[in-house]
């Protein structure tokens, strides 16, 4: 089973691509060794560094006709992966 859920393609994450860094949403239980192995295997690049960030889901309230409904977004984990200089991960080639 892969620890990678999906790449994060936001304006801020795309700006990091110029520095050779890519952002992925990963399983909350994944560690750096597993993430490195999966990225090297799936994308065929050499990973030189990984930073992970655990995010807490924020509480959201929604007001409806029947009253208010409150809930929470899911907790998550992100990995910022640095690849070897000169290597590129292309998210759009498989489309």
Protein backbone atom coordinates (compact mmCIF):
# COMPACT_ATOMS: atom_id res chain seq x y z
CA UNK A 1 0.00 0.00 0.00
CA UNK A 2 1.29 3.42 -0.94
CA UNK A 3 1.75 6.11 1.68
CA UNK A 4 1.16 8.83 -0.93
CA UNK A 5 -2.38 10.17 -1.28
CA UNK A 6 -1.97 12.98 -3.82
CA UNK A 7 0.36 15.80 -4.84
CA UNK A 8 -0.60 19.25 -3.60
CA UNK A 9 -0.73 21.72 -6.47
CA UNK A 10 -1.37 25.16 -4.99
CA UNK A 11 0.26 28.46 -5.82
CA UNK A 12 2.57 28.21 -2.83
CA UNK A 13 3.49 24.56 -3.52
CA UNK A 14 4.12 25.29 -7.21
CA UNK A 15 6.50 28.08 -6.20
CA UNK A 16 8.59 25.51 -4.31
CA UNK A 17 8.99 23.44 -7.51
CA UNK A 18 11.55 25.94 -8.77
CA UNK A 19 13.73 25.04 -5.76
CA UNK A 20 13.41 21.31 -6.45
CA UNK A 21 10.81 20.81 -3.69
CA UNK A 22 7.46 19.08 -4.14
CA UNK A 23 4.54 18.83 -1.71
CA UNK A 24 2.46 15.68 -1.21
CA UNK A 25 -0.43 14.73 1.02
CA UNK A 26 0.54 11.47 2.73
CA UNK A 27 -0.96 8.98 5.17
CA UNK A 28 -0.90 10.28 8.73
CA UNK A 29 0.93 7.14 9.93
CA UNK A 30 3.68 7.33 7.24
CA UNK A 31 7.27 7.99 8.22
CA UNK A 32 10.03 9.63 6.17
CA UNK A 33 11.66 6.34 5.13
CA UNK A 34 8.37 5.02 3.69
CA UNK A 35 7.64 8.32 1.93
CA UNK A 36 11.12 8.41 0.38
CA UNK A 37 10.84 4.82 -0.85
CA UNK A 38 7.40 5.41 -2.42
CA UNK A 39 8.39 8.63 -4.20
CA UNK A 40 11.62 7.17 -5.58
CA UNK A 41 9.76 4.08 -6.79
CA UNK A 42 6.73 5.87 -8.27
CA UNK A 43 8.39 8.93 -9.86
CA UNK A 44 11.91 7.54 -10.56
CA UNK A 45 13.79 10.40 -8.88
CA UNK A 46 16.43 10.58 -6.13
CA UNK A 47 15.12 12.11 -2.90
CA UNK A 48 17.69 14.14 -0.93
CA UNK A 49 15.48 15.43 1.89
CA UNK A 50 12.01 15.25 3.41
CA UNK A 51 10.17 17.53 5.83
CA UNK A 52 6.83 16.45 7.25
CA UNK A 53 4.01 18.56 8.67
CA UNK A 54 1.07 17.20 10.68
CA UNK A 55 -2.04 19.32 10.23
CA UNK A 56 -5.06 19.40 12.51
CA UNK A 57 -8.48 19.65 10.93
CA UNK A 58 -10.20 22.89 11.71
CA UNK A 59 -13.69 23.21 13.16
CA UNK A 60 -16.25 24.41 10.66
CA UNK A 61 -19.77 25.69 11.34
CA UNK A 62 -22.53 25.84 8.79
CA UNK A 63 -25.81 27.67 9.27
CA UNK A 64 -28.81 26.06 7.58
CA UNK A 65 -32.58 26.57 7.68
CA UNK A 66 -32.92 23.94 10.39
CA UNK A 67 -30.24 25.50 12.61
CA UNK A 68 -26.50 25.32 12.77
CA UNK A 69 -24.41 22.27 11.99
CA UNK A 70 -20.86 22.03 13.20
CA UNK A 71 -18.19 19.58 12.19
CA UNK A 72 -14.50 19.14 11.77
CA UNK A 73 -12.28 18.71 8.74
CA UNK A 74 -10.04 15.66 8.74
CA UNK A 75 -6.56 15.71 10.25
CA UNK A 76 -3.76 15.20 7.74
CA UNK A 77 -0.08 15.10 7.01
CA UNK A 78 2.01 16.75 4.30
CA UNK A 79 5.50 15.96 3.08
CA UNK A 80 7.81 18.48 1.41
CA UNK A 81 10.21 16.42 -0.67
CA UNK A 82 13.51 17.73 -2.04
CA UNK A 83 14.83 15.91 -5.11
CA UNK A 84 18.37 15.75 -6.49
CA UNK A 85 19.41 18.84 -8.44
CA UNK A 86 18.53 18.53 -12.11
CA UNK A 87 15.70 16.03 -11.53
CA UNK A 88 12.06 17.00 -11.96
CA UNK A 89 8.73 15.44 -10.99
CA UNK A 90 6.13 16.04 -13.69
CA UNK A 91 2.60 15.69 -12.29
CA UNK A 92 0.92 16.30 -15.65
CA UNK A 93 2.65 13.80 -17.96
CA UNK A 94 0.19 10.97 -17.22
CA UNK A 95 -2.89 12.98 -18.22
